[in-house]
């Protein structure tokens, strides 16, 4: 007859507490194999094997519910898949922790003089939004469905020429410049502004190799300044720039109107200011139509579209009060998806306020897109971005 151990003996042998065993019992992870005459829980060698699995999974970050599910599906393939998913989750957590650490470093760099908690909160909020914007840019690049690089499209739409003096506000990693080095004309000067702790640090680090690939008469400089401070604008030469760019920036400013006013004072009379904001795009048409095809309520898409339209109208009114002419230029940037999970992730990011509704219907979304991808090979979403082009005359 196989030897059985009381919970106390079993806990000592396994190196866990008796309390942990009670919890595992209550949660249905590790039930006793029987009870003694004194109603003590009894365990055996098979119990020890199960406990070893629980300890291993708990050690690598599984919740008790996840452990229970894994034990119920105890075969090699499910264990492998479960561990892979857990690894992905942990890598995501590591990345999020690294981003949080970078926010703290950035706050320490920027807040040298007697900061208050409002300053700290605002700095970290802007840093997180900047990180999010950069992630979205890289995501769009990795899913591009046409043969033209996104920043080449922007370059070509800007009509850059030799002799241009360009002010790049929120220059970040400098993709507009990195992706078009061979197109740089003679005597083409760029002044980029951003904050420490962003991708602009990497732009500066790579500057020697960048400048080696542009004409000697051309130049790129980066200044680390806060564009929401008046003293920054006091140092920028008035009416010097033929082109001013604020792509993916205005949405994150506390006072967009004040920013636009500053821009209007440093743009030449014959210059152009290019900016982006909220932007309702053809992507909203896609989601509205597809969700209706699924037989689900698509009112959240319409609500989001109206919200963004109203915000865009608000910014356009501001721009029209400082510039003689404001045009809306749409640049196409279609994205290709070949996995339903990626489409669902895109959907939840685009409409994060409806996350609960989307989670409740995830199976419907993924099943619908799985069938569509199987039939068509991939799904292309026609995504475009509005660029405001503002002229002094």
Protein backbone atom coordinates (compact mmCIF):
# COMPACT_ATOMS: atom_id res chain seq x y z
CA UNK A 1 0.00 0.00 0.00
CA UNK A 2 1.34 3.40 -1.00
CA UNK A 3 2.49 5.56 1.88
CA UNK A 4 0.36 8.62 2.54
CA UNK A 5 1.41 11.81 4.29
CA UNK A 6 -0.56 14.29 6.34
CA UNK A 7 -0.65 17.89 5.08
CA UNK A 8 1.99 18.87 7.64
CA UNK A 9 4.35 16.06 6.62
CA UNK A 10 3.69 16.74 2.95
CA UNK A 11 4.29 20.48 3.34
CA UNK A 12 7.64 19.85 5.07
CA UNK A 13 8.73 17.36 2.42
CA UNK A 14 7.75 19.70 -0.46
CA UNK A 15 9.07 22.87 1.13
CA UNK A 16 5.79 24.77 1.10
CA UNK A 17 3.50 26.04 3.85
CA UNK A 18 0.42 24.22 5.09
CA UNK A 19 -1.51 27.41 4.25
CA UNK A 20 -0.43 27.12 0.59
CA UNK A 21 -1.76 23.54 0.50
CA UNK A 22 -5.11 24.71 1.87
CA UNK A 23 -5.31 27.39 -0.82
CA UNK A 24 -4.42 24.91 -3.58
CA UNK A 25 -7.16 22.62 -2.26
CA UNK A 26 -9.75 25.42 -2.13
CA UNK A 27 -8.87 26.55 -5.68
CA UNK A 28 -9.11 23.00 -7.02
CA UNK A 29 -5.43 22.73 -8.01
CA UNK A 30 -4.32 20.00 -5.62
CA UNK A 31 -6.95 17.94 -3.85
CA UNK A 32 -5.98 15.49 -1.06
CA UNK A 33 -6.02 11.82 -2.03
CA UNK A 34 -7.97 11.11 1.17
CA UNK A 35 -8.49 12.02 4.81
CA UNK A 36 -7.24 10.44 8.03
CA UNK A 37 -9.47 9.31 10.89
CA UNK A 38 -8.76 12.67 12.50
CA UNK A 39 -9.93 14.37 9.26
CA UNK A 40 -6.41 15.44 8.28
CA UNK A 41 -5.69 15.87 4.55
CA UNK A 42 -3.58 13.06 3.10
CA UNK A 43 -1.21 13.24 0.13
CA UNK A 44 0.96 10.72 -1.77
CA UNK A 45 3.76 10.65 -4.36
CA UNK A 46 1.38 11.56 -7.21
CA UNK A 47 0.40 14.64 -5.20
CA UNK A 48 4.06 15.60 -5.09
CA UNK A 49 4.32 15.49 -8.89
CA UNK A 50 1.32 17.81 -9.22
CA UNK A 51 2.73 20.16 -6.58
CA UNK A 52 6.03 20.35 -8.45
CA UNK A 53 4.15 21.52 -11.54
CA UNK A 54 2.24 24.10 -9.51
CA UNK A 55 5.46 25.45 -7.99
CA UNK A 56 7.17 25.58 -11.40
CA UNK A 57 4.29 27.44 -13.07
CA UNK A 58 3.85 29.80 -10.13
CA UNK A 59 7.56 30.59 -10.22
CA UNK A 60 7.37 31.77 -13.83
CA UNK A 61 4.44 34.06 -13.20
CA UNK A 62 1.27 32.03 -13.74
CA UNK A 63 -1.83 32.99 -11.75
CA UNK A 64 -3.61 30.24 -9.82
CA UNK A 65 -6.44 30.25 -12.38
CA UNK A 66 -3.93 29.83 -15.21
CA UNK A 67 -2.22 27.00 -13.32
CA UNK A 68 -5.55 25.24 -12.82
CA UNK A 69 -6.34 25.51 -16.53
CA UNK A 70 -2.88 24.20 -17.43
CA UNK A 71 -3.23 21.20 -15.08
CA UNK A 72 -6.63 20.34 -16.57
CA UNK A 73 -5.06 20.32 -20.07
CA UNK A 74 -2.02 18.37 -18.98
CA UNK A 75 -0.51 17.23 -22.26
CA UNK A 76 2.79 18.13 -23.88
CA UNK A 77 1.36 20.31 -26.64
CA UNK A 78 -0.84 22.39 -24.31
CA UNK A 79 2.01 22.82 -21.81
CA UNK A 80 4.27 24.04 -24.61
CA UNK A 81 1.65 26.48 -25.91
CA UNK A 82 0.91 27.70 -22.40
CA UNK A 83 4.56 28.33 -21.66
CA UNK A 84 4.97 30.17 -24.97
CA UNK A 85 2.03 32.43 -24.15
CA UNK A 86 3.39 33.05 -20.67
CA UNK A 87 6.77 33.94 -22.15
CA UNK A 88 5.11 36.45 -24.48
CA UNK A 89 3.23 37.98 -21.55
CA UNK A 90 6.38 38.22 -19.47
CA UNK A 91 8.35 39.78 -22.32
CA UNK A 92 5.57 42.34 -22.69
CA UNK A 93 5.74 43.07 -18.97
CA UNK A 94 9.53 43.44 -19.19
CA UNK A 95 9.09 45.90 -22.06
CA UNK A 96 6.48 47.86 -20.10
CA UNK A 97 8.82 47.97 -17.09
CA UNK A 98 11.65 49.20 -19.30
CA UNK A 99 9.40 51.95 -20.64
CA UNK A 100 8.39 52.91 -17.11
CA UNK A 101 12.05 53.03 -16.08
CA UNK A 102 12.78 55.28 -19.06
CA UNK A 103 9.95 57.60 -17.96
CA UNK A 104 11.54 57.92 -14.53
CA UNK A 105 14.97 58.60 -16.03
CA UNK A 106 13.46 61.24 -18.30
CA UNK A 107 11.64 62.88 -15.40
CA UNK A 108 14.91 63.06 -13.44
CA UNK A 109 16.69 64.63 -16.42
CA UNK A 110 14.03 67.26 -17.01
CA UNK A 111 13.10 68.13 -13.43
CA UNK A 112 16.34 69.55 -12.12
CA UNK A 113 14.90 72.42 -10.11
CA UNK A 114 12.48 71.83 -7.27
CA UNK A 115 9.81 69.92 -9.20
CA UNK A 116 6.32 69.40 -7.81
CA UNK A 117 4.19 66.31 -8.39
CA UNK A 118 2.14 68.03 -11.09
CA UNK A 119 5.36 68.56 -13.07
CA UNK A 120 6.36 64.95 -12.59
CA UNK A 121 2.94 63.61 -13.62
CA UNK A 122 2.86 65.83 -16.72
CA UNK A 123 6.38 64.82 -17.74
CA UNK A 124 5.66 61.10 -17.39
CA UNK A 125 2.33 61.44 -19.22
CA UNK A 126 4.02 63.13 -22.18
CA UNK A 127 6.77 60.53 -22.20
CA UNK A 128 4.25 57.67 -22.27
CA UNK A 129 2.30 59.32 -25.09
CA UNK A 130 5.50 59.85 -27.05
CA UNK A 131 6.43 56.20 -26.61
CA UNK A 132 2.98 55.21 -27.82
CA UNK A 133 3.29 57.38 -30.91
CA UNK A 134 6.66 55.85 -31.76
CA UNK A 135 5.26 52.32 -31.34
CA UNK A 136 2.38 53.12 -33.70
CA UNK A 137 4.83 54.37 -36.34
CA UNK A 138 6.89 51.19 -36.20
CA UNK A 139 3.73 49.07 -36.27
CA UNK A 140 2.48 50.83 -39.40
CA UNK A 141 5.84 50.33 -41.08
CA UNK A 142 5.87 46.58 -40.33
CA UNK A 143 2.37 46.14 -41.81
CA UNK A 144 2.70 48.38 -44.88
CA UNK A 145 0.67 46.96 -47.79
CA UNK A 146 2.16 49.00 -50.65
CA UNK A 147 5.68 49.39 -52.00
CA UNK A 148 6.23 53.00 -50.93
CA UNK A 149 7.81 53.70 -47.54
CA UNK A 150 5.56 55.95 -45.44
CA UNK A 151 8.15 58.65 -44.85
CA UNK A 152 8.98 58.77 -48.52
CA UNK A 153 5.32 59.62 -49.15
CA UNK A 154 5.50 62.43 -46.63
CA UNK A 155 8.74 63.74 -48.14
CA UNK A 156 7.33 63.73 -51.66
CA UNK A 157 4.18 65.54 -50.50
CA UNK A 158 6.21 68.35 -48.89
CA UNK A 159 7.91 69.65 -52.08
CA UNK A 160 11.27 70.06 -50.34
CA UNK A 161 13.83 72.11 -52.30
CA UNK A 162 17.40 73.29 -52.10
CA UNK A 163 17.68 76.34 -49.88
CA UNK A 164 14.83 75.25 -47.59
CA UNK A 165 15.18 76.04 -43.90
CA UNK A 166 13.13 73.39 -42.10
CA UNK A 167 11.95 73.36 -38.48
CA UNK A 168 11.03 69.84 -37.32
CA UNK A 169 9.04 70.06 -34.06
CA UNK A 170 9.01 66.76 -32.20
CA UNK A 171 11.65 65.27 -34.50
CA UNK A 172 11.89 61.97 -32.57
CA UNK A 173 13.96 59.30 -34.38
CA UNK A 174 14.12 61.45 -37.51
CA UNK A 175 12.52 58.88 -39.84
CA UNK A 176 11.52 61.58 -42.31
CA UNK A 177 15.19 62.39 -42.75
CA UNK A 178 16.68 58.90 -42.34
CA UNK A 179 14.44 57.41 -45.03
CA UNK A 180 15.22 60.15 -47.57
CA UNK A 181 18.92 60.87 -47.21
CA UNK A 182 19.50 60.29 -50.95
CA UNK A 183 16.89 62.93 -51.76
CA UNK A 184 18.53 65.72 -49.75
CA UNK A 185 19.08 68.73 -52.04
CA UNK A 186 21.99 71.14 -51.72
CA UNK A 187 21.87 73.79 -49.01
CA UNK A 188 19.00 72.05 -47.17
CA UNK A 189 19.00 72.82 -43.43
CA UNK A 190 16.94 71.09 -40.71
CA UNK A 191 16.58 72.21 -37.08
CA UNK A 192 14.93 69.48 -35.01
CA UNK A 193 13.45 70.02 -31.54
CA UNK A 194 12.51 67.36 -29.00
CA UNK A 195 13.03 66.30 -25.40
CA UNK A 196 15.71 64.12 -23.85
CA UNK A 197 14.56 60.57 -23.21
CA UNK A 198 12.85 60.21 -26.59
CA UNK A 199 14.04 58.64 -29.85
CA UNK A 200 15.69 62.00 -30.55
CA UNK A 201 18.60 60.82 -28.37
CA UNK A 202 19.22 58.06 -30.94
CA UNK A 203 18.97 60.57 -33.78
CA UNK A 204 21.80 62.55 -32.21
CA UNK A 205 23.83 59.39 -31.59
CA UNK A 206 23.58 58.47 -35.28
CA UNK A 207 24.20 61.99 -36.59
CA UNK A 208 27.73 61.39 -37.92
CA UNK A 209 26.60 58.53 -40.17
CA UNK A 210 23.53 60.52 -41.27
CA UNK A 211 25.54 63.59 -42.23
CA UNK A 212 27.99 61.42 -44.16
CA UNK A 213 25.14 60.61 -46.58
CA UNK A 214 23.86 64.12 -47.32
CA UNK A 215 25.44 66.97 -49.31
CA UNK A 216 28.15 68.92 -47.47
CA UNK A 217 26.16 72.12 -47.91
CA UNK A 218 23.19 70.58 -46.06
CA UNK A 219 22.85 70.03 -42.32
CA UNK A 220 20.69 68.58 -39.52
CA UNK A 221 20.83 69.88 -35.97
CA UNK A 222 18.88 68.71 -32.91
CA UNK A 223 17.98 70.89 -29.92
CA UNK A 224 16.66 69.44 -26.69
CA UNK A 225 14.06 71.97 -25.55
CA UNK A 226 10.49 71.98 -24.26
CA UNK A 227 8.25 73.42 -26.98
CA UNK A 228 5.60 74.35 -24.42
CA UNK A 229 7.90 76.87 -22.76
CA UNK A 230 7.99 80.46 -24.03
CA UNK A 231 11.76 80.69 -23.57
CA UNK A 232 12.25 77.94 -26.14
CA UNK A 233 10.43 79.98 -28.76
CA UNK A 234 12.33 83.13 -27.77
CA UNK A 235 15.49 81.37 -28.98
CA UNK A 236 14.01 80.33 -32.35
CA UNK A 237 14.72 82.94 -35.09
CA UNK A 238 11.56 84.74 -36.25
CA UNK A 239 10.31 84.30 -39.84
CA UNK A 240 13.29 82.13 -40.76
CA UNK A 241 11.74 78.83 -41.82
CA UNK A 242 10.32 77.94 -45.23
CA UNK A 243 8.86 74.66 -43.93
CA UNK A 244 7.74 73.81 -40.41
CA UNK A 245 6.69 70.27 -39.47
CA UNK A 246 4.71 69.13 -36.43
CA UNK A 247 3.77 65.58 -37.32
CA UNK A 248 2.33 63.41 -34.51
CA UNK A 249 2.91 66.16 -31.92
CA UNK A 250 0.00 68.57 -31.44
CA UNK A 251 -2.27 65.88 -29.98
CA UNK A 252 0.07 65.64 -26.97
CA UNK A 253 0.37 69.35 -26.18
CA UNK A 254 -1.38 71.03 -23.27
CA UNK A 255 -2.06 74.23 -25.23
CA UNK A 256 -2.24 73.60 -29.01
CA UNK A 257 -3.44 77.13 -29.79
CA UNK A 258 -0.46 78.74 -28.11
CA UNK A 259 1.80 76.35 -30.00
CA UNK A 260 0.18 77.28 -33.34
CA UNK A 261 0.59 80.96 -32.52
CA UNK A 262 4.31 80.44 -31.89
CA UNK A 263 4.66 78.55 -35.18
CA UNK A 264 2.99 81.34 -37.15
CA UNK A 265 5.61 83.80 -35.88
CA UNK A 266 8.64 81.84 -37.09
CA UNK A 267 7.29 80.80 -40.51
CA UNK A 268 8.26 82.87 -43.54
CA UNK A 269 5.57 84.61 -45.56
CA UNK A 270 6.15 82.18 -48.44
CA UNK A 271 6.42 79.14 -46.13
CA UNK A 272 4.19 76.19 -45.27
CA UNK A 273 3.36 74.58 -41.92
CA UNK A 274 2.52 70.84 -41.99
CA UNK A 275 0.74 69.24 -39.03
CA UNK A 276 -1.28 66.16 -38.08
CA UNK A 277 -3.90 65.77 -35.37
CA UNK A 278 -6.64 63.24 -34.46
CA UNK A 279 -7.63 62.13 -37.95
CA UNK A 280 -10.68 60.10 -38.89
CA UNK A 281 -9.58 57.92 -41.76
CA UNK A 282 -10.85 55.32 -44.18
CA UNK A 283 -10.10 52.80 -41.44
CA UNK A 284 -13.30 53.86 -39.68
CA UNK A 285 -15.23 52.95 -42.83
CA UNK A 286 -13.59 49.51 -42.76
CA UNK A 287 -14.50 48.75 -39.14
CA UNK A 288 -18.01 50.14 -39.49
CA UNK A 289 -18.70 47.91 -42.49
CA UNK A 290 -16.99 44.74 -41.22
CA UNK A 291 -18.59 44.87 -37.77
CA UNK A 292 -22.01 45.30 -39.38
CA UNK A 293 -21.24 42.23 -41.55
CA UNK A 294 -20.59 40.27 -38.34
CA UNK A 295 -24.06 41.18 -37.13
CA UNK A 296 -22.67 43.19 -34.20
CA UNK A 297 -23.40 46.71 -32.99
CA UNK A 298 -21.02 49.17 -34.72
CA UNK A 299 -22.32 52.31 -33.01
CA UNK A 300 -19.05 52.64 -31.04
CA UNK A 301 -17.21 53.17 -34.34
CA UNK A 302 -19.62 55.94 -35.35
CA UNK A 303 -19.32 57.54 -31.92
CA UNK A 304 -15.53 57.50 -32.11
CA UNK A 305 -15.60 58.97 -35.62
CA UNK A 306 -17.79 61.88 -34.50
CA UNK A 307 -15.54 62.55 -31.51
CA UNK A 308 -12.45 62.71 -33.73
CA UNK A 309 -14.24 64.80 -36.37
CA UNK A 310 -15.19 67.34 -33.71
CA UNK A 311 -11.61 67.53 -32.44
CA UNK A 312 -10.24 67.93 -35.95
CA UNK A 313 -12.74 70.73 -36.61
CA UNK A 314 -11.60 72.42 -33.41
CA UNK A 315 -7.96 72.37 -34.52
CA UNK A 316 -8.82 73.48 -38.06
CA UNK A 317 -10.64 76.52 -36.65
CA UNK A 318 -7.49 77.41 -34.67
CA UNK A 319 -5.26 76.98 -37.72
CA UNK A 320 -7.54 79.14 -39.86
CA UNK A 321 -7.32 81.94 -37.29
CA UNK A 322 -3.52 82.14 -37.72
CA UNK A 323 -3.01 81.20 -41.37
CA UNK A 324 -4.50 82.61 -44.57
CA UNK A 325 -5.10 79.19 -46.08
CA UNK A 326 -5.45 75.70 -44.59
CA UNK A 327 -5.59 72.65 -46.88
CA UNK A 328 -6.28 69.05 -45.89
CA UNK A 329 -4.03 66.55 -47.68
CA UNK A 330 -4.74 62.82 -47.28
CA UNK A 331 -1.84 60.40 -47.69
CA UNK A 332 -2.71 56.69 -48.09
CA UNK A 333 -0.99 54.15 -45.83
CA UNK A 334 -2.76 50.80 -46.27
CA UNK A 335 -1.86 48.01 -43.83
CA UNK A 336 -1.88 44.27 -44.48
CA UNK A 337 -2.84 41.68 -41.85
CA UNK A 338 -2.60 37.90 -42.18
CA UNK A 339 -3.58 36.90 -38.62
CA UNK A 340 -6.94 37.43 -36.95
CA UNK A 341 -5.24 38.09 -33.59
CA UNK A 342 -3.35 41.03 -35.12
CA UNK A 343 -6.58 42.46 -36.51
CA UNK A 344 -8.30 42.05 -33.17
CA UNK A 345 -5.35 43.76 -31.45
CA UNK A 346 -5.60 46.62 -33.95
CA UNK A 347 -9.32 46.90 -33.24
CA UNK A 348 -8.88 47.03 -29.45
CA UNK A 349 -6.13 49.65 -29.74
CA UNK A 350 -8.22 51.79 -32.10
CA UNK A 351 -11.30 51.61 -29.85
CA UNK A 352 -9.80 51.09 -26.40
CA UNK A 353 -12.79 52.72 -24.67
CA UNK A 354 -14.92 49.74 -25.78
CA UNK A 355 -12.49 47.09 -24.58
CA UNK A 356 -15.09 45.17 -22.52
CA UNK A 357 -17.51 44.92 -25.45
CA UNK A 358 -14.70 43.83 -27.78
CA UNK A 359 -13.45 41.21 -25.31
CA UNK A 360 -16.97 39.81 -24.93
CA UNK A 361 -17.17 39.35 -28.70
CA UNK A 362 -13.55 38.38 -29.40
CA UNK A 363 -14.48 34.89 -30.57
CA UNK A 364 -16.88 36.33 -33.17
CA UNK A 365 -14.29 38.83 -34.42
CA UNK A 366 -11.48 36.28 -34.73
CA UNK A 367 -13.69 33.60 -36.30
CA UNK A 368 -14.94 36.08 -38.90
CA UNK A 369 -11.42 37.24 -39.80
CA UNK A 370 -10.01 33.69 -39.79
CA UNK A 371 -12.52 32.77 -42.50
CA UNK A 372 -11.82 35.91 -44.46
CA UNK A 373 -8.04 35.46 -44.29
CA UNK A 374 -8.38 31.80 -45.31
CA UNK A 375 -10.40 32.88 -48.36
CA UNK A 376 -8.36 35.95 -49.34
CA UNK A 377 -4.88 35.20 -47.97
CA UNK A 378 -4.73 38.50 -46.06
CA UNK A 379 -6.82 41.55 -45.23
CA UNK A 380 -5.81 45.04 -46.32
CA UNK A 381 -7.22 48.05 -44.47
CA UNK A 382 -7.27 51.31 -46.43
CA UNK A 383 -5.78 53.65 -43.86
CA UNK A 384 -4.99 57.26 -44.65
CA UNK A 385 -3.70 60.22 -42.63
CA UNK A 386 -4.75 63.85 -42.87
CA UNK A 387 -1.97 66.42 -43.05
CA UNK A 388 -2.92 70.05 -42.53
CA UNK A 389 -0.92 72.30 -44.85
CA UNK A 390 -1.05 75.90 -43.65
CA UNK A 391 0.04 78.96 -45.64
CA UNK A 392 0.64 82.55 -44.56
CA UNK A 393 -0.79 83.90 -47.83
